[in-house]
Amino acid sequence: MYYIINNNIVFRVLVLCVIVNNANAIACRQPETSSFVRWSGMTPDKARPVFMYSASGGEESLTGACLARCRELEECASVIVAYTKGNCQGLAASPVSQLTADNDAAYFTKVCLKLPNGCSKRWWALESTPGYYLNSEGANVKILLNATVQDCYDALFSSNEKLYRSAQWIDPNSPLDTFVVSDKAIGNCVLNGENKFTEPESYRVSNYYTFYIEDECGHDYPKKIDRCSYEEYNNQTLKRTDLSIKNATKDECKTACENEDRFICRGFSWISTAPRGLCDLHSEDLITTGSWLLRRVPTATYYRRVICLNITVDCEGPNLVVTYRPRGAFKGRMYVPGNGDKCSSQAFAGTVKLSLPLHGDCDVNFAYAITKTPNGVVNRTMAYVVLMIQNNPIIQTAGDRWVRVGCSPGGGARSYTKVDATVSVHDTR
């Protein structure tokens, strides 16, 4: 995770030990079924292997093949997937396993859950992140006192708790430098109607005795208006890939991501070999990991799925006026990068309105086009500007958005609404 304060990048280094108690082999009772919890970027220090698997290159997904193998073996209680090495290990149950940070791997632990309809195909049903919490101010927040971790998991999938997208489990008795997660540990569970994607500004660093839990079965991605746009990261891809499709066009890759039902596809990379190429689907997102997950590949483009923004832009006399109406709570600001002091506006009554001079110091640019029509030649002018929509009024994080907006000056022309596109993110190194 990284932050930008006063244009200076500040990295947070997390040194964290997590102790997981999974002494009993997973044997679920109806109506519960076996699924997995993913601890991204974590590995256990010691455990007894029950199988090892190396990628052959012929499978679509290393993760999918490893989890399928573990499901088949009753003695398999967890899986380590090493992405850079291209292999995985299935592990037997262990009385205590200490987890340590490993950015090249993910750890999946078996868990019994009463899954909602439509989630049976999911490779994993929950995502857990140590050392983070969601400081949401939404109305749908519920606290369960004296709860186990399993109680917290079950509450997210309870038929009576459909309002909740995420949770955090807190053990006030845990030491600061070690986080203990066991079947018998008693703590507090905080259920939340939002998650780190619906409220990225609320996703924050916590003490070691807290970890964030996210429901991977329910999400807003099928609603195209909520996830209809993409940020482009040129000459880059992600270090972790959940599924690869060979000989695909970019449009086929995009469709595959949007139709994927075995995991939440939060973005895709297309490595061009013209006109077709390699399509990689990713469940990871930069909100969770920060920019370190990006990897330079000259012919690749990473497309990160983002929410479309409800923005209107008007040319009113000598000004370009941008109005942003957030869907949820917004306490941040909108500004022109490099001119944040003079050319910015903060939220007021749920709306952000920014008026920029067409000719001034706010970096408004002009594009010109000449179009031949039946009525003659038409000279067209477009005024446009690049803006940053920052969720926090002070700190810039990976959840913020760059957008390019524009309008046609003169003649009372009005621009488009509900801006769907974002600017490409170019690597300047």
Protein backbone atom coordinates (compact mmCIF):
# COMPACT_ATOMS: atom_id res chain seq x y z
CA MET A 1 0.00 0.00 0.00
CA TYR A 2 1.33 3.47 -0.80
CA TYR A 3 0.22 7.03 -0.23
CA ILE A 4 1.17 10.33 -1.82
CA ILE A 5 1.42 13.28 0.55
CA ASN A 6 2.40 16.67 -0.88
CA ASN A 7 3.62 14.94 -4.06
CA ASN A 8 5.96 12.69 -2.06
CA ILE A 9 5.45 8.93 -2.21
CA VAL A 10 5.33 7.28 1.21
CA PHE A 11 5.48 3.48 1.30
CA ARG A 12 4.08 1.50 4.20
CA VAL A 13 6.13 -1.58 5.03
CA LEU A 14 4.07 -4.23 6.77
CA VAL A 15 5.97 -6.65 8.95
CA LEU A 16 3.32 -9.00 10.21
CA CYS A 17 3.07 -12.45 11.71
CA VAL A 18 -0.24 -14.25 11.57
CA ILE A 19 -0.86 -17.48 13.42
CA VAL A 20 -3.56 -19.68 11.90
CA ASN A 21 -4.98 -22.61 13.78
CA ASN A 22 -6.46 -25.22 11.44
CA ALA A 23 -5.84 -28.34 13.43
CA ASN A 24 -8.88 -30.23 12.18
CA ALA A 25 -9.28 -31.50 8.65
CA ILE A 26 -12.15 -29.91 6.77
CA ALA A 27 -15.26 -32.10 6.72
CA CYS A 28 -18.31 -29.94 6.06
CA ARG A 29 -21.86 -30.75 7.09
CA GLN A 30 -24.90 -29.92 5.00
CA PRO A 31 -25.98 -27.31 4.06
CA GLU A 32 -22.41 -26.04 4.30
CA THR A 33 -19.90 -26.65 1.53
CA SER A 34 -16.14 -26.45 1.37
CA SER A 35 -14.59 -23.27 -0.02
CA PHE A 36 -11.42 -21.22 0.52
CA VAL A 37 -10.29 -18.01 2.17
CA ARG A 38 -7.48 -16.28 0.27
CA TRP A 39 -4.70 -14.57 2.23
CA SER A 40 -3.00 -12.66 -0.56
CA GLY A 41 0.75 -12.09 -0.20
CA MET A 42 1.11 -14.48 2.74
CA THR A 43 2.74 -17.92 3.27
CA PRO A 44 3.02 -20.24 6.31
CA ASP A 45 6.39 -20.92 7.88
CA LYS A 46 6.00 -24.69 8.17
CA ALA A 47 3.47 -27.37 7.28
CA ARG A 48 3.44 -30.92 5.96
CA PRO A 49 2.91 -31.10 2.16
CA VAL A 50 0.30 -33.53 0.85
CA PHE A 51 0.90 -32.75 -2.82
CA MET A 52 3.03 -30.58 -5.08
CA TYR A 53 2.05 -29.31 -8.53
CA SER A 54 4.06 -27.52 -11.21
CA ALA A 55 2.46 -25.69 -14.11
CA SER A 56 2.74 -27.55 -17.40
CA GLY A 57 1.87 -24.56 -19.54
CA GLY A 58 -1.20 -26.26 -20.90
CA GLU A 59 -3.60 -25.33 -18.10
CA GLU A 60 -5.60 -22.09 -18.15
CA SER A 61 -5.02 -21.42 -14.47
CA LEU A 62 -2.40 -22.53 -11.96
CA THR A 63 -4.64 -21.31 -9.12
CA GLY A 64 -7.66 -23.20 -10.41
CA ALA A 65 -5.73 -26.44 -10.87
CA CYS A 66 -4.20 -26.25 -7.38
CA LEU A 67 -7.47 -25.50 -5.59
CA ALA A 68 -9.26 -28.27 -7.49
CA ARG A 69 -6.61 -30.77 -6.40
CA CYS A 70 -6.93 -29.68 -2.77
CA ARG A 71 -10.71 -30.05 -2.89
CA GLU A 72 -10.28 -33.67 -3.99
CA LEU A 73 -8.02 -34.55 -1.05
CA GLU A 74 -9.65 -34.66 2.37
CA GLU A 75 -6.27 -34.37 4.09
CA CYS A 76 -5.51 -31.13 2.22
CA ALA A 77 -6.33 -28.18 4.49
CA SER A 78 -4.64 -25.32 2.61
CA VAL A 79 -2.71 -24.39 -0.54
CA ILE A 80 0.28 -22.14 -1.23
CA VAL A 81 0.39 -20.81 -4.81
CA ALA A 82 3.81 -19.45 -5.81
CA TYR A 83 3.13 -17.36 -8.91
CA THR A 84 6.68 -16.53 -9.94
CA LYS A 85 7.84 -20.15 -9.52
CA GLY A 86 4.79 -21.54 -11.32
CA ASN A 87 3.98 -24.16 -8.72
CA CYS A 88 1.91 -24.84 -5.63
CA GLN A 89 1.79 -27.05 -2.55
CA GLY A 90 -1.19 -28.60 -0.82
CA LEU A 91 -0.67 -28.70 2.95
CA ALA A 92 -2.03 -30.89 5.71
CA ALA A 93 -3.76 -29.44 8.75
CA SER A 94 -1.38 -28.01 11.31
CA PRO A 95 -2.04 -27.12 14.97
CA VAL A 96 -0.39 -23.72 14.49
CA SER A 97 1.06 -22.11 11.40
CA GLN A 98 2.73 -18.72 11.45
CA LEU A 99 2.16 -16.67 8.30
CA THR A 100 4.70 -14.22 6.98
CA ALA A 101 4.56 -11.72 4.13
CA ASP A 102 5.47 -13.03 0.66
CA ASN A 103 4.54 -10.80 -2.26
CA ASP A 104 5.04 -13.58 -4.81
CA ALA A 105 2.50 -15.98 -3.30
CA ALA A 106 -1.01 -16.44 -1.95
CA TYR A 107 -2.22 -18.75 0.79
CA PHE A 108 -5.66 -20.41 0.56
CA THR A 109 -7.22 -22.06 3.62
CA LYS A 110 -10.23 -24.39 3.50
CA VAL A 111 -13.37 -23.28 5.28
CA CYS A 112 -16.96 -24.55 5.58
CA LEU A 113 -19.60 -22.01 4.57
CA LYS A 114 -23.28 -21.87 3.76
CA LEU A 115 -22.77 -20.23 0.38
CA PRO A 116 -25.45 -18.15 -1.32
CA ASN A 117 -26.97 -19.19 -4.62
CA GLY A 118 -24.67 -18.62 -7.57
CA CYS A 119 -21.46 -18.92 -5.53
CA SER A 120 -20.83 -22.64 -5.90
CA LYS A 121 -18.47 -22.04 -8.85
CA ARG A 122 -16.30 -19.56 -6.95
CA TRP A 123 -12.74 -20.80 -6.43
CA TRP A 124 -12.63 -18.88 -3.13
CA ALA A 125 -15.48 -17.21 -1.27
CA LEU A 126 -13.62 -14.85 1.05
CA GLU A 127 -10.57 -12.58 0.95
CA SER A 128 -8.69 -11.80 4.17
CA THR A 129 -6.11 -9.03 4.57
CA PRO A 130 -4.20 -8.69 7.87
CA GLY A 131 -3.47 -5.21 9.19
CA TYR A 132 -6.29 -3.36 7.40
CA TYR A 133 -9.81 -2.24 8.20
CA LEU A 134 -12.65 -0.26 6.61
CA ASN A 135 -13.43 2.99 8.40
CA SER A 136 -16.80 3.44 6.73
CA GLU A 137 -19.42 5.93 7.86
CA GLY A 138 -22.22 4.18 6.01
CA ALA A 139 -25.54 3.34 7.64
CA ASN A 140 -25.20 -0.43 7.29
CA VAL A 141 -22.73 -1.25 10.06
CA LYS A 142 -23.30 -3.98 12.66
CA ILE A 143 -21.08 -5.17 15.52
CA LEU A 144 -21.08 -8.77 16.74
CA LEU A 145 -19.49 -9.03 20.18
CA ASN A 146 -17.79 -12.17 21.50
CA ALA A 147 -17.61 -13.78 18.06
CA THR A 148 -15.20 -16.29 16.56
CA VAL A 149 -13.66 -15.82 13.13
CA GLN A 150 -16.04 -18.49 11.81
CA ASP A 151 -18.98 -16.52 13.26
CA CYS A 152 -17.75 -13.50 11.31
CA TYR A 153 -17.48 -15.52 8.10
CA ASP A 154 -20.96 -17.00 8.60
CA ALA A 155 -22.53 -13.60 9.26
CA LEU A 156 -21.43 -12.31 5.85
CA PHE A 157 -23.29 -15.18 4.17
CA SER A 158 -26.29 -15.29 6.48
CA SER A 159 -29.63 -14.90 4.68
CA ASN A 160 -30.45 -12.19 7.23
CA GLU A 161 -27.25 -10.24 6.56
CA LYS A 162 -27.45 -9.57 2.81
CA LEU A 163 -26.72 -5.89 3.35
CA TYR A 164 -23.07 -6.54 4.19
CA ARG A 165 -20.19 -6.68 1.69
CA SER A 166 -17.27 -6.88 4.10
CA ALA A 167 -16.25 -7.31 7.73
CA GLN A 168 -13.31 -6.97 10.03
CA TRP A 169 -12.42 -9.24 12.91
CA ILE A 170 -10.70 -7.74 15.94
CA ASP A 171 -9.01 -9.63 18.75
CA PRO A 172 -8.35 -7.11 21.54
CA ASN A 173 -6.32 -9.70 23.47
CA SER A 174 -3.84 -10.36 20.68
CA PRO A 175 -0.26 -9.01 21.04
CA LEU A 176 0.69 -6.15 18.76
CA ASP A 177 3.37 -8.01 16.80
CA THR A 178 1.50 -11.29 16.30
CA PHE A 179 -2.01 -11.88 15.08
CA VAL A 180 -3.66 -15.10 16.27
CA VAL A 181 -6.53 -16.55 14.27
CA SER A 182 -7.83 -19.75 15.76
CA ASP A 183 -11.09 -21.66 15.96
CA LYS A 184 -11.40 -20.87 19.66
CA ALA A 185 -10.30 -17.23 19.72
CA ILE A 186 -13.03 -14.78 20.75
CA GLY A 187 -13.10 -11.25 19.37
CA ASN A 188 -15.41 -8.70 17.81
CA CYS A 189 -16.77 -8.78 14.27
CA VAL A 190 -17.78 -5.57 12.50
CA LEU A 191 -20.04 -6.10 9.48
CA ASN A 192 -20.10 -3.37 6.84
CA GLY A 193 -22.40 -2.56 3.95
CA GLU A 194 -19.46 -1.21 1.93
CA ASN A 195 -16.08 -2.61 0.91
CA LYS A 196 -12.71 -1.30 -0.22
CA PHE A 197 -13.94 -0.90 -3.80
CA THR A 198 -17.16 0.98 -3.05
CA GLU A 199 -15.34 3.19 -0.51
CA PRO A 200 -11.61 3.11 -1.32
CA GLU A 201 -10.87 6.14 0.85
CA SER A 202 -12.17 4.27 3.91
CA TYR A 203 -9.77 1.32 3.46
CA ARG A 204 -6.96 2.02 5.91
CA VAL A 205 -4.04 0.58 7.84
CA SER A 206 -4.95 -0.90 11.22
CA ASN A 207 -3.24 -2.52 14.18
CA TYR A 208 -1.97 -6.07 13.81
CA TYR A 209 -4.85 -7.55 15.81
CA THR A 210 -7.35 -6.61 13.08
CA PHE A 211 -7.89 -8.14 9.66
CA TYR A 212 -10.23 -7.20 6.84
CA ILE A 213 -12.62 -9.77 5.33
CA GLU A 214 -14.36 -9.34 1.97
CA ASP A 215 -17.25 -11.29 0.48
CA GLU A 216 -16.18 -12.57 -2.94
CA CYS A 217 -19.62 -13.96 -3.84
CA GLY A 218 -21.58 -10.72 -4.10
CA HIS A 219 -20.29 -7.67 -5.95
CA ASP A 220 -21.44 -4.89 -8.26
CA TYR A 221 -19.57 -5.92 -11.42
CA PRO A 222 -22.57 -7.40 -13.29
CA LYS A 223 -24.09 -3.91 -13.19
CA LYS A 224 -22.37 -2.42 -16.22
CA ILE A 225 -22.95 1.17 -15.08
CA ASP A 226 -20.89 0.46 -11.97
CA ARG A 227 -17.94 -1.23 -13.67
CA CYS A 228 -18.17 -0.14 -17.28
CA SER A 229 -14.89 1.69 -17.72
CA TYR A 230 -11.19 0.79 -17.72
CA GLU A 231 -7.94 2.52 -16.83
CA GLU A 232 -5.15 1.65 -19.23
CA TYR A 233 -1.60 1.00 -18.00
CA ASN A 234 0.58 0.90 -21.10
CA ASN A 235 3.57 -1.45 -21.33
CA GLN A 236 2.60 -3.03 -18.00
CA THR A 237 0.79 -6.05 -16.62
CA LEU A 238 0.23 -7.54 -13.15
CA LYS A 239 2.65 -9.96 -11.54
CA ARG A 240 -0.19 -12.29 -10.51
CA THR A 241 -2.43 -13.93 -13.09
CA ASP A 242 -5.42 -16.09 -12.20
CA LEU A 243 -6.32 -17.32 -15.68
CA SER A 244 -4.72 -17.10 -19.15
CA ILE A 245 -6.37 -17.38 -22.56
CA LYS A 246 -4.19 -17.84 -25.61
CA ASN A 247 -4.83 -16.48 -29.10
CA ALA A 248 -7.43 -13.89 -28.05
CA THR A 249 -8.24 -10.40 -29.30
CA LYS A 250 -8.45 -7.51 -26.87
CA ASP A 251 -12.26 -7.45 -27.15
CA GLU A 252 -12.43 -11.20 -26.49
CA CYS A 253 -10.22 -10.71 -23.45
CA LYS A 254 -12.45 -7.93 -22.14
CA THR A 255 -15.55 -10.07 -22.62
CA ALA A 256 -13.90 -13.01 -20.86
CA CYS A 257 -13.12 -10.81 -17.86
CA GLU A 258 -16.65 -9.46 -17.64
CA ASN A 259 -18.20 -12.95 -17.95
CA GLU A 260 -15.85 -14.76 -15.55
CA ASP A 261 -17.76 -16.44 -12.71
CA ARG A 262 -15.04 -18.49 -10.95
CA PHE A 263 -13.49 -15.39 -9.40
CA ILE A 264 -14.09 -11.65 -9.50
CA CYS A 265 -12.14 -10.37 -12.50
CA ARG A 266 -11.01 -6.87 -11.54
CA GLY A 267 -8.94 -6.32 -14.66
CA PHE A 268 -7.16 -7.95 -17.58
CA SER A 269 -3.88 -7.70 -19.44
CA TRP A 270 -3.60 -8.15 -23.17
CA ILE A 271 -0.14 -8.93 -24.53
CA SER A 272 -0.33 -8.13 -28.22
CA THR A 273 1.09 -10.31 -30.97
CA ALA A 274 -1.22 -8.62 -33.58
CA PRO A 275 -3.97 -9.15 -34.36
CA ARG A 276 -4.36 -11.64 -31.50
CA GLY A 277 -2.41 -12.17 -28.31
CA LEU A 278 -2.25 -13.52 -24.78
CA CYS A 279 -5.10 -12.62 -22.41
CA ASP A 280 -4.45 -12.66 -18.64
CA LEU A 281 -7.29 -12.20 -16.14
CA HIS A 282 -6.60 -10.77 -12.68
CA SER A 283 -8.52 -10.90 -9.42
CA GLU A 284 -6.06 -8.52 -7.74
CA ASP A 285 -6.47 -4.74 -7.82
CA LEU A 286 -4.15 -1.83 -7.11
CA ILE A 287 -6.40 -0.61 -4.27
CA THR A 288 -5.35 -3.68 -2.30
CA THR A 289 -1.72 -3.95 -3.31
CA GLY A 290 -0.48 -0.60 -4.60
CA SER A 291 1.67 -0.08 -7.69
CA TRP A 292 4.33 -2.67 -6.75
CA LEU A 293 2.15 -5.38 -8.35
CA LEU A 294 2.70 -3.84 -11.79
CA ARG A 295 5.33 -5.47 -14.02
CA ARG A 296 6.89 -3.96 -17.14
CA VAL A 297 6.19 -5.84 -20.38
CA PRO A 298 6.79 -3.82 -23.59
CA THR A 299 3.87 -5.23 -25.62
CA ALA A 300 1.34 -5.50 -22.78
CA THR A 301 -1.48 -3.24 -21.62
CA TYR A 302 -3.18 -3.69 -18.24
CA TYR A 303 -6.85 -2.69 -18.14
CA ARG A 304 -8.13 -2.02 -14.64
CA ARG A 305 -11.91 -2.11 -14.18
CA VAL A 306 -13.22 1.08 -12.60
CA ILE A 307 -16.55 2.69 -11.81
CA CYS A 308 -18.02 5.04 -14.41
CA LEU A 309 -18.28 8.58 -13.14
CA ASN A 310 -21.42 10.70 -13.17
CA ILE A 311 -19.89 13.90 -14.57
CA THR A 312 -21.32 16.72 -16.66
CA VAL A 313 -19.16 19.31 -18.42
CA ASP A 314 -20.34 22.66 -19.83
CA CYS A 315 -18.66 25.55 -21.57
CA GLU A 316 -20.29 28.56 -19.88
CA GLY A 317 -18.97 31.82 -21.28
CA PRO A 318 -15.23 32.05 -20.50
CA ASN A 319 -15.24 28.97 -18.24
CA LEU A 320 -15.22 25.19 -18.48
CA VAL A 321 -17.52 23.95 -15.69
CA VAL A 322 -17.24 20.37 -14.41
CA THR A 323 -19.90 18.94 -12.08
CA TYR A 324 -19.30 15.60 -10.37
CA ARG A 325 -22.13 13.82 -8.55
CA PRO A 326 -20.70 10.89 -6.57
CA ARG A 327 -22.90 7.85 -6.01
CA GLY A 328 -21.88 7.49 -2.37
CA ALA A 329 -20.31 9.53 0.38
CA PHE A 330 -17.47 11.70 -0.94
CA LYS A 331 -15.30 14.02 1.15
CA GLY A 332 -12.43 14.50 -1.26
CA ARG A 333 -11.70 17.04 -3.95
CA MET A 334 -11.36 17.47 -7.72
CA TYR A 335 -8.40 19.37 -9.13
CA VAL A 336 -6.03 19.91 -12.05
CA PRO A 337 -2.77 18.00 -11.38
CA GLY A 338 0.10 20.44 -10.86
CA ASN A 339 -2.32 23.28 -10.08
CA GLY A 340 -4.14 21.85 -7.09
CA ASP A 341 -3.99 25.08 -5.08
CA LYS A 342 -5.61 27.37 -7.66
CA CYS A 343 -7.63 24.96 -9.79
CA SER A 344 -9.52 22.73 -7.36
CA SER A 345 -12.84 22.29 -5.60
CA GLN A 346 -14.04 20.25 -2.64
CA ALA A 347 -17.32 18.43 -2.14
CA PHE A 348 -20.31 20.45 -0.95
CA ALA A 349 -23.72 18.91 -0.22
CA GLY A 350 -22.75 15.74 -2.07
CA THR A 351 -21.67 17.48 -5.29
CA VAL A 352 -18.31 18.77 -6.53
CA LYS A 353 -18.41 21.71 -8.96
CA LEU A 354 -15.21 23.04 -10.50
CA SER A 355 -15.11 26.11 -12.76
CA LEU A 356 -11.92 26.53 -14.81
CA PRO A 357 -11.03 29.50 -17.07
CA LEU A 358 -10.77 28.49 -20.72
CA HIS A 359 -7.80 30.82 -21.05
CA GLY A 360 -5.75 30.91 -17.87
CA ASP A 361 -3.44 28.91 -15.64
CA CYS A 362 -5.54 25.74 -15.22
CA ASP A 363 -4.10 23.82 -18.17
CA VAL A 364 -7.23 23.82 -20.33
CA ASN A 365 -6.20 22.69 -23.81
CA PHE A 366 -7.88 23.00 -27.21
CA ALA A 367 -8.31 20.57 -30.07
CA TYR A 368 -9.43 21.67 -33.53
CA ALA A 369 -11.16 19.75 -36.30
CA ILE A 370 -12.54 20.67 -39.70
CA THR A 371 -15.54 18.62 -40.83
CA LYS A 372 -17.13 18.66 -44.30
CA THR A 373 -20.93 18.61 -44.15
CA PRO A 374 -23.69 19.03 -46.81
CA ASN A 375 -23.99 22.60 -45.60
CA GLY A 376 -20.32 23.32 -46.05
CA VAL A 377 -17.14 23.16 -43.99
CA VAL A 378 -17.63 23.30 -40.21
CA ASN A 379 -14.83 24.40 -37.91
CA ARG A 380 -15.09 22.59 -34.57
CA THR A 381 -13.22 23.38 -31.36
CA MET A 382 -13.03 21.23 -28.24
CA ALA A 383 -11.74 22.48 -24.89
CA TYR A 384 -10.48 19.72 -22.62
CA VAL A 385 -8.60 19.23 -19.35
CA VAL A 386 -7.21 16.35 -17.30
CA LEU A 387 -8.51 16.16 -13.72
CA MET A 388 -7.80 14.14 -10.61
CA ILE A 389 -10.74 12.98 -8.49
CA GLN A 390 -9.24 12.31 -5.08
CA ASN A 391 -11.30 10.51 -2.44
CA ASN A 392 -9.38 11.93 0.50
CA PRO A 393 -8.87 15.73 0.70
CA ILE A 394 -5.21 15.31 1.67
CA ILE A 395 -3.87 11.85 0.75
CA GLN A 396 -3.74 10.43 -2.76
CA THR A 397 -4.09 6.63 -3.04
CA ALA A 398 -4.50 3.99 -5.75
CA GLY A 399 -8.30 4.30 -5.56
CA ASP A 400 -8.30 7.84 -7.00
CA ARG A 401 -9.16 8.56 -10.62
CA TRP A 402 -7.67 10.48 -13.53
CA VAL A 403 -10.24 11.67 -16.08
CA ARG A 404 -10.17 13.74 -19.24
CA VAL A 405 -13.25 15.93 -19.75
CA GLY A 406 -14.15 18.44 -22.44
CA CYS A 407 -16.80 20.64 -24.03
CA SER A 408 -17.30 22.75 -27.18
CA PRO A 409 -17.06 26.51 -26.53
CA GLY A 410 -19.55 28.87 -28.14
CA GLY A 411 -23.08 28.51 -29.38
CA GLY A 412 -24.42 27.18 -26.09
CA ALA A 413 -22.93 23.78 -26.86
CA ARG A 414 -23.17 21.24 -24.10
CA SER A 415 -20.81 18.34 -23.59
CA TYR A 416 -21.50 14.69 -22.96
CA THR A 417 -22.58 13.41 -19.53
CA LYS A 418 -21.63 10.40 -17.40
CA VAL A 419 -18.02 10.29 -18.47
CA ASP A 420 -17.11 6.65 -19.08
CA ALA A 421 -13.49 6.90 -20.19
CA THR A 422 -10.33 7.59 -18.27
CA VAL A 423 -6.96 8.71 -19.51
CA SER A 424 -4.27 6.15 -20.15
CA VAL A 425 -1.66 5.76 -17.42
CA HIS A 426 1.73 5.95 -19.10
CA ASP A 427 4.95 4.64 -17.58
CA THR A 428 7.43 7.54 -17.65
CA ARG A 429 10.50 5.57 -16.60
